Protein backbone atom coordinates (compact mmCIF):
# COMPACT_ATOMS: atom_id res chain seq x y z
CA MET A 1 -0.30 0.26 -0.38
CA ASN A 2 1.65 3.06 -1.43
CA VAL A 3 -0.01 6.30 0.18
CA ARG A 4 0.58 9.75 -1.65
CA GLU A 5 -1.39 11.70 0.92
CA PRO A 6 -1.92 11.07 4.58
CA ALA A 7 -5.32 10.88 6.26
CA PRO A 8 -6.76 14.66 7.62
CA LEU A 9 -5.37 14.77 11.24
CA SER A 10 -3.27 12.10 10.67
CA ASN A 11 -0.14 13.56 12.40
CA LEU A 12 -1.35 13.45 15.75
CA LEU A 13 -2.28 10.23 16.17
CA SER A 14 1.52 9.65 17.93
CA ILE A 15 2.56 5.85 15.82
CA ASP A 16 5.00 5.18 16.96
CA ASP A 17 6.68 3.15 13.02
CA GLN A 18 6.22 6.95 12.03
CA GLU A 19 5.12 5.56 8.51
CA SER A 20 2.67 8.10 6.77
CA VAL A 21 -1.55 7.49 7.51
CA GLY A 22 -3.43 6.33 4.20
CA ALA A 23 -6.29 5.94 6.31
CA TYR A 24 -8.05 5.24 9.97
CA VAL A 25 -11.01 4.68 11.60
CA TRP A 26 -11.55 6.76 15.00
CA ARG A 27 -14.44 6.64 17.99
CA LEU A 28 -14.76 8.90 20.54
CA GLU A 29 -15.80 7.80 24.06
CA ASP A 30 -16.72 8.63 27.31
CA SER A 31 -17.10 6.86 30.57
CA GLU A 32 -20.97 7.16 32.01
CA SER A 33 -21.18 8.28 35.57
CA PHE A 34 -17.32 7.76 36.32
CA ASN A 35 -18.21 4.03 35.14
CA TYR A 36 -14.82 3.02 33.10
CA ASN A 37 -16.80 -0.08 31.92
CA ASN A 38 -19.54 1.64 30.92
CA MET A 39 -18.35 3.58 28.03
CA ILE A 40 -20.37 5.79 25.47
CA MET A 41 -19.39 5.87 21.69
CA TYR A 42 -20.49 9.29 20.38
CA ALA A 43 -18.78 10.62 17.63
CA ALA A 44 -17.13 7.96 15.05
CA GLY A 45 -15.94 7.70 11.12
CA ILE A 46 -13.14 6.42 9.02
CA GLU A 47 -10.71 8.97 7.56
CA SER A 48 -8.65 8.70 4.16
CA GLY A 49 -6.03 10.56 2.34
CA THR A 50 -4.97 9.46 -1.20
CA PHE A 51 -3.61 5.97 -1.48
CA THR A 52 -3.21 2.73 -4.04
CA VAL A 53 -2.34 -0.82 -3.66
CA ASP A 54 -0.23 -2.08 -6.40
CA ASP A 55 -1.46 -5.14 -8.66
CA GLY A 56 2.15 -5.59 -10.11
CA GLN A 57 0.68 -4.38 -13.15
CA ARG A 58 -0.08 -0.48 -12.06
CA GLU A 59 -1.48 1.90 -9.40
CA ILE A 60 -5.23 1.75 -8.06
CA ARG A 61 -6.80 4.31 -6.47
CA ILE A 62 -9.17 3.04 -2.89
CA ASP A 63 -12.11 5.63 -2.67
CA THR A 64 -13.43 5.20 0.89
CA GLU A 65 -16.14 7.65 0.34
CA TRP A 66 -18.78 4.17 0.03
CA LEU A 67 -18.26 3.28 3.94
CA ALA A 68 -18.32 7.36 4.80
CA GLU A 69 -21.92 7.61 3.20
CA ILE A 70 -22.75 4.44 4.42
CA HIS A 71 -22.22 4.51 7.76
CA ASP A 72 -22.78 8.40 8.47
CA SER A 73 -18.80 8.85 9.44
CA ASP A 74 -18.40 11.83 11.55
CA ASP A 75 -15.76 14.47 10.25
CA ILE A 76 -12.36 14.49 12.43
CA THR A 77 -11.65 18.35 11.78
CA THR A 78 -15.47 18.60 12.92
CA VAL A 79 -15.41 16.16 16.76
CA SER A 80 -16.64 18.48 19.40
CA PRO A 81 -16.48 16.88 23.39
CA ASP A 82 -19.84 19.14 23.01
CA TRP A 83 -21.68 16.54 21.46
CA THR A 84 -24.16 14.45 23.61
CA VAL A 85 -24.39 11.34 21.15
CA SER A 86 -24.07 10.82 17.64
CA THR A 87 -26.32 9.17 15.16
CA PRO A 88 -26.02 5.27 15.54
CA LEU A 89 -25.47 4.50 12.51
CA SER A 90 -21.94 6.12 12.70
CA ALA A 91 -21.22 3.79 15.43
CA ARG A 92 -20.95 1.56 12.82
CA SER A 93 -17.72 3.56 11.25
CA TRP A 94 -15.78 1.25 14.14
CA LYS A 95 -17.19 -1.44 14.07
CA SER A 96 -18.01 -2.22 10.58
CA PRO A 97 -18.18 -5.68 8.31
CA TYR A 98 -16.50 -4.10 6.01
CA ILE A 99 -13.34 -3.65 7.77
CA GLN A 100 -10.95 -4.80 10.00
CA LEU A 101 -7.80 -3.37 10.52
CA ASP A 102 -5.83 -4.78 13.77
CA ASN A 103 -2.03 -4.60 13.39
CA HIS A 104 -2.44 -0.68 13.81
CA LEU A 105 -4.16 0.83 17.14
CA ILE A 106 -3.64 4.03 18.78
CA VAL A 107 -5.00 4.80 22.47
CA SER A 108 -6.08 8.47 23.72
CA PRO A 109 -3.12 9.98 21.70
CA ILE A 110 -1.82 13.61 23.50
CA PRO A 111 -1.44 15.74 20.54
CA MET A 112 -5.35 14.15 19.10
CA MET A 113 -6.96 14.64 22.35
CA LYS A 114 -5.16 18.30 23.02
CA TYR A 115 -7.01 18.66 19.82
CA ILE A 116 -11.00 17.58 20.04
CA PHE A 117 -10.52 19.72 23.69
CA ASP A 118 -8.18 22.50 22.94
CA ALA A 119 -6.34 22.18 25.76
CA ASP A 120 -2.63 23.54 26.32
CA ALA A 121 -1.60 20.55 28.46
CA PRO A 122 -2.50 16.73 28.94
CA GLU A 123 -4.22 17.69 32.91
CA GLU A 124 -6.62 19.78 30.89
CA ILE A 125 -8.20 16.80 29.23
CA PRO A 126 -10.80 14.69 30.78
CA ASP A 127 -9.50 11.15 32.54
CA ASP A 128 -12.88 10.00 31.07
CA GLU A 129 -12.13 10.59 27.77
CA ASP A 130 -11.03 7.99 25.61
CA PHE A 131 -10.21 8.31 21.71
CA GLU A 132 -9.10 4.89 19.71
CA ALA A 133 -8.04 5.41 15.79
CA LYS A 134 -7.10 1.80 13.82
CA ALA A 135 -4.65 2.84 11.07
CA ILE A 136 -3.16 1.51 7.56
CA LEU A 137 0.21 2.62 7.04
CA ASP A 138 2.36 3.10 4.13
CA GLY A 139 4.21 -0.04 2.52
CA GLU A 140 1.81 -2.71 4.93
CA THR A 141 -0.17 -5.14 3.41
CA LEU A 142 -3.83 -4.81 2.47
CA ALA A 143 -6.33 -7.23 1.24
CA VAL A 144 -9.13 -4.85 -0.83
CA SER A 145 -12.35 -5.10 -2.97
CA GLY A 146 -14.84 -3.63 -4.69
CA GLU A 147 -15.38 -2.51 -8.05
CA VAL A 148 -12.62 -1.02 -10.33
CA SER A 149 -13.60 2.20 -12.14
CA MET A 150 -12.06 4.20 -14.39
CA GLU A 151 -11.45 8.00 -13.45
CA GLN A 152 -9.41 10.53 -15.78
CA GLY A 153 -7.78 7.04 -16.62
CA THR A 154 -6.27 5.85 -13.21
CA PRO A 155 -8.04 3.32 -11.69
CA VAL A 156 -9.90 3.22 -8.87
CA LEU A 157 -11.40 0.54 -6.25
CA GLN A 158 -14.62 1.92 -4.33
CA GLY A 159 -17.84 0.47 -3.05
CA SER A 160 -21.60 0.27 -4.28
CA ASP A 161 -24.72 -1.43 -2.73
CA ASN A 162 -24.02 -4.75 -4.96
CA GLU A 163 -19.75 -4.51 -4.54
CA PRO A 164 -19.30 -3.74 -1.02
CA LEU A 165 -16.06 -1.88 -0.68
CA VAL A 166 -13.85 -4.46 1.86
CA LEU A 167 -10.11 -3.28 3.36
CA SER A 168 -8.38 -6.08 5.68
CA ASP A 169 -5.27 -6.56 7.17
CA GLN A 170 -5.41 -9.14 8.47
CA GLY A 171 -5.50 -11.21 4.52
CA PHE A 172 -8.22 -12.43 2.78
CA ASP A 173 -8.84 -16.57 4.68
CA GLU A 174 -8.40 -13.58 8.27
CA PHE A 175 -11.52 -11.57 7.23
CA SER A 176 -13.25 -14.58 4.97
CA ARG A 177 -13.55 -16.29 8.70
CA GLY A 178 -15.39 -13.50 10.47
CA LEU A 179 -17.26 -11.23 7.94
CA PRO A 180 -20.30 -13.84 7.84
CA SER A 181 -21.41 -13.35 11.07
CA GLN A 182 -20.35 -9.51 11.15
CA MET A 183 -23.04 -8.97 7.95
CA LEU A 184 -25.86 -10.47 10.28
CA LYS A 185 -25.03 -8.71 13.35
CA TYR A 186 -25.36 -5.53 10.86
CA GLY A 187 -28.23 -7.37 8.73
CA LEU A 188 -26.12 -7.19 6.13
CA ILE A 189 -26.80 -10.31 4.60
CA ALA A 190 -28.26 -9.58 1.68
CA VAL A 191 -24.60 -8.11 -0.14
CA GLY A 192 -21.55 -8.55 -0.17
CA PHE A 193 -21.18 -12.30 -0.24
CA GLY A 194 -20.41 -11.61 -4.83
CA ALA A 195 -16.65 -9.65 -2.78
CA LEU A 196 -15.90 -12.28 -1.32
CA GLU A 197 -14.88 -13.68 -4.51
CA SER A 198 -12.31 -11.29 -5.43
CA LEU A 199 -11.40 -10.14 -3.16
CA VAL A 200 -7.68 -9.57 -3.18
CA LEU A 201 -3.89 -9.02 -1.58
CA ALA A 202 -2.52 -5.43 -2.37
CA ASN A 203 1.28 -5.44 -2.15
CA GLY A 204 1.86 -8.59 -4.67
CA LEU A 205 -1.32 -8.49 -5.68
CA GLU A 206 -2.37 -12.35 -4.86
CA VAL A 207 -6.39 -12.90 -6.49
CA VAL A 208 -8.29 -15.42 -4.75
């Protein structure tokens, strides 16, 4: 996977690898009555820059707009601690059956928390707030599936109701094992299984 333009605010995620972030899924939670075992997710979304995968013959740009739309994704640049509860759909950005990102989990990075809470020091960030992100980094292998179209001579992989966009950093086998149960959970059993047949692995794309 090759990052051409990093995702918005990804420089605030404090990732040890210091690799560019092509996209990330995030959520913002707070604890109910200081009960840390009962966290309420009140904002979530997916943020993307410009990134591509290489099938050995050409680079294909990944367009995540469909994922953001079907999950009613919130905009990280406008997130506010004053929000009460976001829409039920936006939480699905974090729990989407079409997204499996497990390799790079970032929990409560201070720069991002300071941005969200407009804080000058870590001590000003509320203890009952929690920000998490799951990132896709430059150079890593990514399993992807969707519809390919041409835009100004550039192949673009995107999603649709008939052919959803699928992203996974766990490879085809691991993702396909969990997808049926995830789709049943979210009532999406009618779409998406055709995507499995065309699932491919980027960085030496291996068509399954």
